[in-house]
Protein backbone atom coordinates (compact mmCIF):
# COMPACT_ATOMS: atom_id res chain seq x y z
CA MET A 1 -5.02 -5.23 16.20
CA THR A 2 -2.96 -3.15 18.63
CA LYS A 3 -2.75 0.29 17.36
CA LEU A 4 0.73 1.49 16.87
CA ASN A 5 1.63 5.33 16.23
CA THR A 6 3.74 5.95 13.04
CA MET A 7 7.17 6.23 14.03
CA THR A 8 9.40 9.20 12.72
CA ASP A 9 13.30 9.67 12.81
CA GLU A 10 12.91 12.63 15.37
CA ASN A 11 10.90 10.49 17.93
CA PRO A 12 11.64 6.65 16.90
CA ILE A 13 9.34 5.56 20.05
CA ASN A 14 5.98 6.80 21.76
CA GLU A 15 5.05 6.24 25.21
CA THR A 16 3.21 2.83 24.15
CA GLN A 17 6.65 1.31 23.00
CA GLN A 18 8.28 2.39 25.94
CA SER A 19 5.67 0.33 28.11
CA VAL A 20 6.69 -2.40 25.59
CA ASP A 21 10.44 -2.36 26.90
CA SER A 22 8.89 -2.19 30.36
CA ALA A 23 7.13 -5.13 29.91
CA ALA A 24 9.54 -7.16 27.55
CA SER A 25 12.69 -6.54 29.81
CA GLN A 26 11.58 -8.61 32.69
CA GLY A 27 14.49 -10.87 33.08
CA GLY A 28 15.91 -10.46 29.66
CA ASP A 29 15.41 -12.86 26.72
CA ALA A 30 14.57 -16.32 26.49
CA ASN A 31 18.17 -16.99 26.62
CA GLY A 32 18.97 -15.01 29.38
CA ALA A 33 20.52 -12.01 27.38
CA ALA A 34 20.20 -8.43 28.57
CA PHE A 35 17.46 -6.84 26.84
CA GLU A 36 17.95 -4.27 24.33
CA PRO A 37 15.63 -1.15 24.67
CA LEU A 38 13.47 -0.66 21.51
CA THR A 39 15.02 2.82 21.04
CA ALA A 40 18.36 1.12 20.75
CA SER A 41 17.23 -1.61 18.46
CA TYR A 42 15.20 0.51 16.04
CA GLU A 43 18.21 2.66 15.55
CA ARG A 44 20.71 -0.13 15.31
CA LEU A 45 18.48 -1.60 12.57
CA ARG A 46 17.70 1.50 10.90
CA HIS A 47 21.29 2.31 10.32
CA SER A 48 22.48 -1.38 9.87
CA THR A 49 24.66 -2.27 6.71
CA ASP A 50 24.09 -5.99 7.26
CA SER A 51 21.54 -6.93 4.59
CA ALA A 52 21.51 -10.51 5.86
CA GLU A 53 20.58 -9.54 9.16
CA LEU A 54 18.10 -7.53 7.93
CA SER A 55 16.73 -9.85 5.51
CA GLU A 56 16.22 -12.37 8.46
CA PHE A 57 14.72 -9.81 10.36
CA ALA A 58 12.13 -9.13 7.31
CA ARG A 59 11.32 -12.57 6.94
CA ARG A 60 11.11 -13.62 10.73
CA PRO A 61 7.65 -14.94 11.55
CA LEU A 62 5.83 -12.32 13.81
CA PRO A 63 4.95 -13.06 17.78
CA ASP A 64 1.30 -14.46 18.43
CA ARG A 65 -0.81 -11.59 18.88
CA SER A 66 -1.64 -12.84 22.56
CA ASP A 67 1.73 -11.46 23.41
CA GLN A 68 0.93 -7.74 22.95
CA ALA A 69 4.43 -6.67 24.29
CA ALA A 70 6.59 -8.97 21.88
CA PHE A 71 4.17 -8.40 18.77
CA SER A 72 4.20 -4.87 19.28
CA ARG A 73 7.80 -4.42 19.48
CA ALA A 74 8.20 -6.73 16.04
CA THR A 75 6.09 -4.56 14.32
CA ALA A 76 7.48 -1.34 15.21
CA LEU A 77 10.86 -2.70 14.13
CA LEU A 78 9.59 -3.74 11.06
CA GLU A 79 9.69 -0.15 10.09
CA ALA A 80 13.21 0.46 10.84
CA VAL A 81 13.91 -2.68 8.39
CA ALA A 82 11.71 -1.39 5.56
CA GLY A 83 13.26 1.81 5.85
CA ASN A 84 16.47 0.68 5.58
CA LYS A 85 18.03 0.61 1.73
CA HIS A 86 20.50 -1.87 2.81
CA THR A 87 17.39 -4.34 3.43
CA PRO A 88 17.38 -6.42 0.09
CA VAL A 89 14.79 -5.29 -2.56
CA GLU A 90 13.21 -8.67 -2.33
CA ASP A 91 12.46 -8.58 1.37
CA ARG A 92 11.23 -4.88 0.87
CA VAL A 93 8.81 -6.12 -1.72
CA PHE A 94 7.91 -9.08 0.47
CA LEU A 95 7.32 -6.58 3.37
CA ALA A 96 5.33 -4.19 1.03
CA SER A 97 2.91 -7.08 -0.40
CA THR A 98 2.31 -8.96 3.20
CA MET A 99 2.35 -6.45 5.84
CA PRO A 100 -1.00 -4.71 7.11
CA PHE A 101 0.76 -2.19 9.32
CA PRO A 102 0.55 1.40 8.31
CA ASN A 103 3.49 2.44 9.67
CA VAL A 104 5.59 -0.15 7.68
CA LEU A 105 3.74 0.45 4.53
CA VAL A 106 3.95 4.38 4.56
CA LYS A 107 7.88 3.91 4.80
CA LEU A 108 7.78 1.58 1.97
CA SER A 109 5.59 3.83 -0.27
CA VAL A 110 8.40 6.32 -0.66
CA ASP A 111 10.65 3.60 -1.16
CA PRO A 112 13.21 4.51 -4.02
CA GLU A 113 12.69 1.02 -5.78
CA PRO A 114 9.56 1.46 -8.23
CA SER A 115 8.76 -2.53 -7.40
CA VAL A 116 8.64 -2.10 -3.83
CA ARG A 117 6.13 0.79 -4.56
CA VAL A 118 4.01 -1.29 -6.79
CA ALA A 119 3.85 -4.12 -4.10
CA VAL A 120 2.63 -1.25 -1.91
CA ALA A 121 -0.13 0.01 -4.19
CA ALA A 122 -1.37 -3.40 -4.93
CA ASN A 123 -1.60 -4.20 -1.13
CA GLU A 124 -5.30 -4.32 -0.07
CA ASP A 125 -4.55 -3.68 3.69
CA ASP A 126 -3.44 -0.02 2.58
CA LYS A 127 -5.16 2.76 4.14
CA ASN A 128 -7.16 4.45 1.39
CA TRP A 129 -5.38 7.83 1.39
CA LEU A 130 -2.13 5.83 1.23
CA VAL A 131 -3.62 3.99 -2.15
CA GLY A 132 -4.75 7.56 -3.36
CA ARG A 133 -1.33 9.04 -2.65
CA LEU A 134 0.34 6.29 -4.84
CA THR A 135 -2.08 6.96 -7.66
CA LYS A 136 -0.36 9.79 -8.22
CA ASP A 137 3.12 8.30 -8.55
CA PRO A 138 5.50 9.36 -11.29
CA ILE A 139 5.99 5.88 -12.14
CA PRO A 140 3.00 4.41 -14.51
CA GLU A 141 3.32 0.57 -13.15
CA VAL A 142 2.71 2.15 -9.34
CA ARG A 143 -0.23 4.36 -10.60
CA ASP A 144 -1.94 1.21 -12.25
CA ALA A 145 -1.59 -0.86 -9.42
CA ALA A 146 -3.08 1.78 -7.33
CA LEU A 147 -6.01 2.39 -9.16
CA ARG A 148 -6.59 -1.45 -9.49
CA ASN A 149 -6.54 -1.74 -5.49
CA LYS A 150 -9.95 -2.01 -4.07
CA ARG A 151 -9.06 0.26 -1.62
CA THR A 152 -8.95 3.28 -4.00
CA SER A 153 -11.64 5.92 -3.38
CA TRP A 154 -13.96 6.73 -6.12
CA LYS A 155 -12.65 10.23 -6.44
CA MET A 156 -8.95 8.67 -7.26
CA ARG A 157 -10.56 6.24 -9.60
CA LEU A 158 -12.41 9.02 -11.58
CA GLU A 159 -9.26 11.13 -11.70
CA GLY A 160 -7.27 8.03 -12.90
CA ALA A 161 -9.94 7.53 -15.45
CA GLN A 162 -9.41 11.26 -16.57
CA ASP A 163 -5.85 10.74 -16.85
CA PRO A 164 -4.43 11.42 -20.59
CA ALA A 165 -1.30 9.29 -19.39
CA ALA A 166 -3.36 6.44 -18.23
CA ASP A 167 -2.71 3.33 -20.31
CA SER A 168 -5.37 1.15 -21.77
CA GLU A 169 -5.22 -1.71 -19.23
CA THR A 170 -5.81 0.46 -16.56
CA LEU A 171 -8.83 1.98 -18.79
CA ASP A 172 -10.07 -1.42 -19.30
CA TYR A 173 -10.28 -2.20 -15.87
CA LEU A 174 -11.94 0.99 -14.73
CA GLY A 175 -14.27 0.63 -17.56
CA LEU A 176 -15.71 -2.54 -15.94
CA LEU A 177 -16.35 -1.08 -12.77
CA GLY A 178 -20.21 -1.05 -11.68
CA THR A 179 -21.01 -3.57 -14.33
CA GLU A 180 -18.60 -6.69 -14.58
CA LEU A 181 -16.53 -5.86 -11.61
CA GLU A 182 -17.91 -4.85 -8.36
CA GLU A 183 -21.51 -5.05 -9.40
CA GLY A 184 -22.55 -3.79 -6.22
CA ALA A 185 -20.75 -0.13 -6.62
CA PRO A 186 -22.75 2.99 -6.47
CA ALA A 187 -23.99 3.43 -9.73
CA VAL A 188 -23.84 7.16 -9.99
CA LEU A 189 -20.01 7.20 -9.00
CA SER A 190 -19.33 4.01 -11.00
CA SER A 191 -20.90 5.31 -14.02
CA MET A 192 -18.83 9.13 -13.72
CA VAL A 193 -15.77 6.55 -13.88
CA ARG A 194 -16.89 4.51 -16.90
CA ARG A 195 -18.01 7.65 -18.70
CA ALA A 196 -14.68 9.13 -18.30
CA VAL A 197 -13.14 6.36 -19.40
CA ALA A 198 -15.21 6.31 -22.57
CA LEU A 199 -13.84 10.05 -22.99
CA ASN A 200 -10.35 9.06 -22.26
CA PRO A 201 -8.24 8.73 -25.96
CA ASN A 202 -6.50 5.97 -24.75
CA THR A 203 -9.21 3.77 -24.02
CA SER A 204 -9.09 0.59 -26.51
CA ALA A 205 -11.60 -0.15 -29.19
CA ASP A 206 -12.75 -3.36 -27.38
CA MET A 207 -13.80 -1.43 -24.38
CA MET A 208 -15.10 1.45 -26.39
CA ALA A 209 -17.54 -1.21 -28.09
CA LYS A 210 -18.57 -2.47 -24.68
CA LEU A 211 -19.08 1.09 -23.15
CA ALA A 212 -21.12 1.77 -26.24
CA GLU A 213 -23.64 -0.77 -24.54
CA ASP A 214 -23.33 0.45 -20.95
CA PRO A 215 -26.65 0.37 -18.79
CA SER A 216 -25.81 4.11 -17.95
CA VAL A 217 -27.02 6.73 -20.69
CA GLU A 218 -24.44 9.20 -19.75
CA VAL A 219 -21.98 6.68 -20.71
CA ARG A 220 -23.25 5.84 -24.15
CA HIS A 221 -23.93 9.91 -25.08
CA ALA A 222 -19.78 9.77 -24.06
CA VAL A 223 -19.14 7.30 -26.70
CA GLU A 224 -21.16 8.83 -29.36
CA SER A 225 -19.40 12.03 -28.65
CA ARG A 226 -16.22 10.46 -29.64
CA ARG A 227 -17.62 9.23 -32.94
């Protein structure tokens, strides 16, 4: 995959993207129309209020990766579409669920619509630091989705299991890590998470019964301490 730098409002394109303009502009587009530089296209889409245009761009199939210039340009412009609040929510959720590109997912991870952030949190193409950030989201549904993502670090899982605001369904998931889920997980780290689940007052009675028979003595002791 071609590595793209994350765009910012201050510097929307970099030298790599300028080279994309140079390669793609030779001869204009397939219809012979004048080629629009990446900077201009990015700014136009970023500020567009045309929801239909933005929706069409969000759903447009990406060029084949063999055409590196066109592919890089399209993925760069998706960042502008993702960050535009005039892009329909369902299209932002679609991008958050399906895109593997960090620059797009970072934009969507701060979307004001919780359903978009939930979709980012559940996307297994996320970088682990991005999922980790979403485990601290103010909306419980976003935090829950992030904690269930396989990209989440064990540190974030442990903190999630210790969170007094964690709901019982998420704790049920975390309480199975290393036993019924992710059986190849590191024994020490997964048992630390299960122990934290056992000590969390929101853990369900059914999960506590499972943890009472946990293979880890530390987890079983944690259950006993709650009785």
